[in-house]
Amino acid sequence: MGAQRQGLSQEAFGFEEGLDRTYVSGVERGGRNPTLAILLKWCRALGVPPSVILRRAEEAAGWD
């Protein structure tokens, strides 16, 4: 997700979404798992439908 934050720093993106920069970093590194509510917030902020993110996650996990 990091490259798709529309040029915002982790701190700026986290602030917009009400999240701490360290949480954003943890999710991007794969060390934290966002809840569905957080995922939906991020999708809305990025202008990306949740289905796109979930499809990529399925592909990464080998669920074709």
PDB file of N, CA and C in Angstrom:
ATOM      1  N   MET A   1       0.804  -1.202   0.000  1.00  0.00           N
ATOM      2  CA  MET A   1       0.000   0.000   0.000  1.00  0.00           C
ATOM      3  C   MET A   1       0.846   1.264   0.000  1.00  0.00           C
ATOM      4  N   GLY A   2       2.067   1.162   0.474  1.00  0.00           N
ATOM      5  CA  GLY A   2       2.888   2.348   0.613  1.00  0.00           C
ATOM      6  C   GLY A   2       3.024   3.154  -0.659  1.00  0.00           C
ATOM      7  N   ALA A   3       3.270   2.475  -1.756  1.00  0.00           N
ATOM      8  CA  ALA A   3       3.472   3.203  -3.003  1.00  0.00           C
ATOM      9  C   ALA A   3       2.184   3.837  -3.504  1.00  0.00           C
ATOM     10  N   GLN A   4       1.074   3.438  -2.953  1.00  0.00           N
ATOM     11  CA  GLN A   4      -0.213   3.939  -3.425  1.00  0.00           C
ATOM     12  C   GLN A   4      -0.820   4.980  -2.499  1.00  0.00           C
ATOM     13  N   ARG A   5      -0.033   5.532  -1.595  1.00  0.00           N
ATOM     14  CA  ARG A   5      -0.549   6.509  -0.645  1.00  0.00           C
ATOM     15  C   ARG A   5      -0.674   7.895  -1.252  1.00  0.00           C
ATOM     16  N   GLN A   6      -0.627   7.998  -2.554  1.00  0.00           N
ATOM     17  CA  GLN A   6      -0.786   9.266  -3.261  1.00  0.00           C
ATOM     18  C   GLN A   6       0.241  10.302  -2.836  1.00  0.00           C
ATOM     19  N   GLY A   7       1.469   9.859  -2.642  1.00  0.00           N
ATOM     20  CA  GLY A   7       2.547  10.768  -2.321  1.00  0.00           C
ATOM     21  C   GLY A   7       2.562  11.296  -0.903  1.00  0.00           C
ATOM     22  N   LEU A   8       1.709  10.790  -0.044  1.00  0.00           N
ATOM     23  CA  LEU A   8       1.687  11.225   1.345  1.00  0.00           C
ATOM     24  C   LEU A   8       2.689  10.430   2.172  1.00  0.00           C
ATOM     25  N   SER A   9       3.297  11.076   3.141  1.00  0.00           N
ATOM     26  CA  SER A   9       4.150  10.352   4.076  1.00  0.00           C
ATOM     27  C   SER A   9       3.274   9.462   4.953  1.00  0.00           C
ATOM     28  N   GLN A  10       3.898   8.518   5.623  1.00  0.00           N
ATOM     29  CA  GLN A  10       3.137   7.670   6.554  1.00  0.00           C
ATOM     30  C   GLN A  10       2.473   8.524   7.618  1.00  0.00           C
ATOM     31  N   GLU A  11       3.186   9.530   8.079  1.00  0.00           N
ATOM     32  CA  GLU A  11       2.642  10.394   9.128  1.00  0.00           C
ATOM     33  C   GLU A  11       1.435  11.176   8.626  1.00  0.00           C
ATOM     34  N   ALA A  12       1.532  11.759   7.423  1.00  0.00           N
ATOM     35  CA  ALA A  12       0.421  12.541   6.871  1.00  0.00           C
ATOM     36  C   ALA A  12      -0.769  11.638   6.571  1.00  0.00           C
ATOM     37  N   PHE A  13      -0.510  10.459   5.996  1.00  0.00           N
ATOM     38  CA  PHE A  13      -1.593   9.527   5.695  1.00  0.00           C
ATOM     39  C   PHE A  13      -2.260   9.054   6.976  1.00  0.00           C
ATOM     40  N   GLY A  14      -1.446   8.688   7.959  1.00  0.00           N
ATOM     41  CA  GLY A  14      -1.993   8.250   9.241  1.00  0.00           C
ATOM     42  C   GLY A  14      -2.827   9.333   9.898  1.00  0.00           C
ATOM     43  N   PHE A  15      -2.356  10.566   9.835  1.00  0.00           N
ATOM     44  CA  PHE A  15      -3.089  11.684  10.432  1.00  0.00           C
ATOM     45  C   PHE A  15      -4.449  11.831   9.765  1.00  0.00           C
ATOM     46  N   GLU A  16      -4.474  11.767   8.433  1.00  0.00           N
ATOM     47  CA  GLU A  16      -5.739  11.888   7.707  1.00  0.00           C
ATOM     48  C   GLU A  16      -6.721  10.797   8.103  1.00  0.00           C
ATOM     49  N   GLU A  17      -6.206   9.624   8.383  1.00  0.00           N
ATOM     50  CA  GLU A  17      -7.065   8.492   8.713  1.00  0.00           C
ATOM     51  C   GLU A  17      -7.222   8.268  10.215  1.00  0.00           C
ATOM     52  N   GLY A  18      -6.599   9.118  11.006  1.00  0.00           N
ATOM     53  CA  GLY A  18      -6.700   8.975  12.458  1.00  0.00           C
ATOM     54  C   GLY A  18      -5.879   7.817  12.996  1.00  0.00           C
ATOM     55  N   LEU A  19      -4.775   7.504  12.327  1.00  0.00           N
ATOM     56  CA  LEU A  19      -3.925   6.384  12.719  1.00  0.00           C
ATOM     57  C   LEU A  19      -2.515   6.873  12.996  1.00  0.00           C
ATOM     58  N   ASP A  20      -1.825   6.188  13.867  1.00  0.00           N
ATOM     59  CA  ASP A  20      -0.439   6.519  14.177  1.00  0.00           C
ATOM     60  C   ASP A  20       0.464   6.082  13.030  1.00  0.00           C
ATOM     61  N   ARG A  21       1.515   6.857  12.785  1.00  0.00           N
ATOM     62  CA  ARG A  21       2.482   6.553  11.728  1.00  0.00           C
ATOM     63  C   ARG A  21       3.076   5.163  11.898  1.00  0.00           C
ATOM     64  N   THR A  22       3.317   4.757  13.138  1.00  0.00           N
ATOM     65  CA  THR A  22       3.918   3.444  13.367  1.00  0.00           C
ATOM     66  C   THR A  22       2.954   2.317  12.990  1.00  0.00           C
ATOM     67  N   TYR A  23       1.651   2.570  13.149  1.00  0.00           N
ATOM     68  CA  TYR A  23       0.654   1.574  12.732  1.00  0.00           C
ATOM     69  C   TYR A  23       0.658   1.442  11.215  1.00  0.00           C
ATOM     70  N   VAL A  24       0.667   2.592  10.526  1.00  0.00           N
ATOM     71  CA  VAL A  24       0.698   2.586   9.062  1.00  0.00           C
ATOM     72  C   VAL A  24       1.939   1.837   8.579  1.00  0.00           C
ATOM     73  N   SER A  25       3.075   2.135   9.177  1.00  0.00           N
ATOM     74  CA  SER A  25       4.323   1.470   8.816  1.00  0.00           C
ATOM     75  C   SER A  25       4.230  -0.035   9.048  1.00  0.00           C
ATOM     76  N   GLY A  26       3.666  -0.423  10.178  1.00  0.00           N
ATOM     77  CA  GLY A  26       3.535  -1.839  10.501  1.00  0.00           C
ATOM     78  C   GLY A  26       2.681  -2.593   9.504  1.00  0.00           C
ATOM     79  N   VAL A  27       1.607  -1.965   9.052  1.00  0.00           N
ATOM     80  CA  VAL A  27       0.741  -2.598   8.055  1.00  0.00           C
ATOM     81  C   VAL A  27       1.494  -2.723   6.738  1.00  0.00           C
ATOM     82  N   GLU A  28       2.172  -1.660   6.335  1.00  0.00           N
ATOM     83  CA  GLU A  28       2.902  -1.686   5.071  1.00  0.00           C
ATOM     84  C   GLU A  28       4.008  -2.738   5.066  1.00  0.00           C
ATOM     85  N   ARG A  29       4.652  -2.976   6.197  1.00  0.00           N
ATOM     86  CA  ARG A  29       5.725  -3.970   6.287  1.00  0.00           C
ATOM     87  C   ARG A  29       5.184  -5.382   6.469  1.00  0.00           C
ATOM     88  N   GLY A  30       3.884  -5.517   6.692  1.00  0.00           N
ATOM     89  CA  GLY A  30       3.300  -6.824   6.898  1.00  0.00           C
ATOM     90  C   GLY A  30       3.378  -7.298   8.336  1.00  0.00           C
ATOM     91  N   GLY A  31       3.786  -6.420   9.235  1.00  0.00           N
ATOM     92  CA  GLY A  31       3.902  -6.774  10.645  1.00  0.00           C
ATOM     93  C   GLY A  31       2.609  -6.605  11.425  1.00  0.00           C
ATOM     94  N   ARG A  32       1.666  -5.905  10.840  1.00  0.00           N
ATOM     95  CA  ARG A  32       0.362  -5.698  11.486  1.00  0.00           C
ATOM     96  C   ARG A  32      -0.717  -6.008  10.475  1.00  0.00           C
ATOM     97  N   ASN A  33      -1.831  -6.484  10.949  1.00  0.00           N
ATOM     98  CA  ASN A  33      -2.967  -6.794  10.087  1.00  0.00           C
ATOM     99  C   ASN A  33      -4.104  -5.831  10.387  1.00  0.00           C
ATOM    100  N   PRO A  34      -4.499  -5.028   9.390  1.00  0.00           N
ATOM    101  CA  PRO A  34      -5.578  -4.077   9.637  1.00  0.00           C
ATOM    102  C   PRO A  34      -6.915  -4.792   9.753  1.00  0.00           C
ATOM    103  N   THR A  35      -7.803  -4.200  10.516  1.00  0.00           N
ATOM    104  CA  THR A  35      -9.168  -4.717  10.584  1.00  0.00           C
ATOM    105  C   THR A  35      -9.885  -4.361   9.290  1.00  0.00           C
ATOM    106  N   LEU A  36     -11.039  -4.935   9.083  1.00  0.00           N
ATOM    107  CA  LEU A  36     -11.832  -4.608   7.897  1.00  0.00           C
ATOM    108  C   LEU A  36     -12.213  -3.125   7.913  1.00  0.00           C
ATOM    109  N   ALA A  37     -12.522  -2.598   9.084  1.00  0.00           N
ATOM    110  CA  ALA A  37     -12.886  -1.179   9.189  1.00  0.00           C
ATOM    111  C   ALA A  37     -11.725  -0.286   8.741  1.00  0.00           C
ATOM    112  N   ILE A  38     -10.502  -0.635   9.135  1.00  0.00           N
ATOM    113  CA  ILE A  38      -9.322   0.136   8.730  1.00  0.00           C
ATOM    114  C   ILE A  38      -9.095  -0.012   7.232  1.00  0.00           C
ATOM    115  N   LEU A  39      -9.226  -1.218   6.719  1.00  0.00           N
ATOM    116  CA  LEU A  39      -9.070  -1.449   5.290  1.00  0.00           C
ATOM    117  C   LEU A  39     -10.045  -0.582   4.493  1.00  0.00           C
ATOM    118  N   LEU A  40     -11.277  -0.508   4.940  1.00  0.00           N
ATOM    119  CA  LEU A  40     -12.279   0.302   4.242  1.00  0.00           C
ATOM    120  C   LEU A  40     -11.939   1.788   4.297  1.00  0.00           C
ATOM    121  N   LYS A  41     -11.416   2.246   5.430  1.00  0.00           N
ATOM    122  CA  LYS A  41     -10.982   3.639   5.542  1.00  0.00           C
ATOM    123  C   LYS A  41      -9.870   3.940   4.550  1.00  0.00           C
ATOM    124  N   TRP A  42      -8.893   3.043   4.481  1.00  0.00           N
ATOM    125  CA  TRP A  42      -7.767   3.244   3.572  1.00  0.00           C
ATOM    126  C   TRP A  42      -8.236   3.236   2.123  1.00  0.00           C
ATOM    127  N   CYS A  43      -9.120   2.322   1.787  1.00  0.00           N
ATOM    128  CA  CYS A  43      -9.627   2.258   0.417  1.00  0.00           C
ATOM    129  C   CYS A  43     -10.338   3.556   0.054  1.00  0.00           C
ATOM    130  N   ARG A  44     -11.145   4.058   0.948  1.00  0.00           N
ATOM    131  CA  ARG A  44     -11.854   5.313   0.702  1.00  0.00           C
ATOM    132  C   ARG A  44     -10.855   6.458   0.515  1.00  0.00           C
ATOM    133  N   ALA A  45      -9.839   6.509   1.369  1.00  0.00           N
ATOM    134  CA  ALA A  45      -8.838   7.576   1.290  1.00  0.00           C
ATOM    135  C   ALA A  45      -8.041   7.499  -0.011  1.00  0.00           C
ATOM    136  N   LEU A  46      -7.785   6.288  -0.482  1.00  0.00           N
ATOM    137  CA  LEU A  46      -7.000   6.099  -1.692  1.00  0.00           C
ATOM    138  C   LEU A  46      -7.847   6.123  -2.960  1.00  0.00           C
ATOM    139  N   GLY A  47      -9.172   6.057  -2.797  1.00  0.00           N
ATOM    140  CA  GLY A  47     -10.051   6.015  -3.953  1.00  0.00           C
ATOM    141  C   GLY A  47      -9.981   4.690  -4.694  1.00  0.00           C
ATOM    142  N   VAL A  48      -9.737   3.618  -3.930  1.00  0.00           N
ATOM    143  CA  VAL A  48      -9.606   2.281  -4.501  1.00  0.00           C
ATOM    144  C   VAL A  48     -10.718   1.406  -3.925  1.00  0.00           C
ATOM    145  N   PRO A  49     -11.481   0.712  -4.776  1.00  0.00           N
ATOM    146  CA  PRO A  49     -12.509  -0.186  -4.246  1.00  0.00           C
ATOM    147  C   PRO A  49     -11.891  -1.301  -3.408  1.00  0.00           C
ATOM    148  N   PRO A  50     -12.523  -1.668  -2.309  1.00  0.00           N
ATOM    149  CA  PRO A  50     -11.989  -2.757  -1.473  1.00  0.00           C
ATOM    150  C   PRO A  50     -11.756  -4.045  -2.261  1.00  0.00           C
ATOM    151  N   SER A  51     -12.576  -4.299  -3.268  1.00  0.00           N
ATOM    152  CA  SER A  51     -12.424  -5.528  -4.052  1.00  0.00           C
ATOM    153  C   SER A  51     -11.057  -5.601  -4.728  1.00  0.00           C
ATOM    154  N   VAL A  52     -10.487  -4.454  -5.115  1.00  0.00           N
ATOM    155  CA  VAL A  52      -9.168  -4.433  -5.752  1.00  0.00           C
ATOM    156  C   VAL A  52      -8.103  -4.880  -4.754  1.00  0.00           C
ATOM    157  N   ILE A  53      -8.166  -4.332  -3.544  1.00  0.00           N
ATOM    158  CA  ILE A  53      -7.189  -4.693  -2.513  1.00  0.00           C
ATOM    159  C   ILE A  53      -7.332  -6.169  -2.137  1.00  0.00           C
ATOM    160  N   LEU A  54      -8.567  -6.620  -1.966  1.00  0.00           N
ATOM    161  CA  LEU A  54      -8.792  -8.012  -1.583  1.00  0.00           C
ATOM    162  C   LEU A  54      -8.364  -8.967  -2.694  1.00  0.00           C
ATOM    163  N   ARG A  55      -8.598  -8.585  -3.956  1.00  0.00           N
ATOM    164  CA  ARG A  55      -8.185  -9.420  -5.072  1.00  0.00           C
ATOM    165  C   ARG A  55      -6.659  -9.566  -5.077  1.00  0.00           C
ATOM    166  N   ARG A  56      -5.955  -8.474  -4.834  1.00  0.00           N
ATOM    167  CA  ARG A  56      -4.484  -8.541  -4.787  1.00  0.00           C
ATOM    168  C   ARG A  56      -4.009  -9.418  -3.635  1.00  0.00           C
ATOM    169  N   ALA A  57      -4.689  -9.328  -2.509  1.00  0.00           N
ATOM    170  CA  ALA A  57      -4.322 -10.164  -1.369  1.00  0.00           C
ATOM    171  C   ALA A  57      -4.560 -11.645  -1.688  1.00  0.00           C
ATOM    172  N   GLU A  58      -5.666 -11.934  -2.367  1.00  0.00           N
ATOM    173  CA  GLU A  58      -5.953 -13.320  -2.761  1.00  0.00           C
ATOM    174  C   GLU A  58      -4.877 -13.837  -3.715  1.00  0.00           C
ATOM    175  N   GLU A  59      -4.493 -13.014  -4.678  1.00  0.00           N
ATOM    176  CA  GLU A  59      -3.467 -13.418  -5.641  1.00  0.00           C
ATOM    177  C   GLU A  59      -2.133 -13.653  -4.934  1.00  0.00           C
ATOM    178  N   ALA A  60      -1.786 -12.778  -4.008  1.00  0.00           N
ATOM    179  CA  ALA A  60      -0.518 -12.921  -3.278  1.00  0.00           C
ATOM    180  C   ALA A  60      -0.504 -14.197  -2.439  1.00  0.00           C
ATOM    181  N   ALA A  61      -1.684 -14.605  -1.968  1.00  0.00           N
ATOM    182  CA  ALA A  61      -1.775 -15.801  -1.141  1.00  0.00           C
ATOM    183  C   ALA A  61      -1.964 -17.070  -1.972  1.00  0.00           C
ATOM    184  N   GLY A  62      -2.056 -16.905  -3.306  1.00  0.00           N
ATOM    185  CA  GLY A  62      -2.217 -18.058  -4.172  1.00  0.00           C
ATOM    186  C   GLY A  62      -3.642 -18.527  -4.357  1.00  0.00           C
ATOM    187  N   TRP A  63      -4.613 -17.668  -4.068  1.00  0.00           N
ATOM    188  CA  TRP A  63      -6.026 -17.998  -4.254  1.00  0.00           C
ATOM    189  C   TRP A  63      -6.478 -17.495  -5.613  1.00  0.00           C
ATOM    190  N   ASP A  64      -6.261 -18.235  -6.621  1.00  0.00           N
ATOM    191  CA  ASP A  64      -6.623 -17.788  -7.974  1.00  0.00           C
ATOM    192  C   ASP A  64      -8.062 -17.989  -8.255  1.00  0.00           C
TER     193      ASP A  64
END
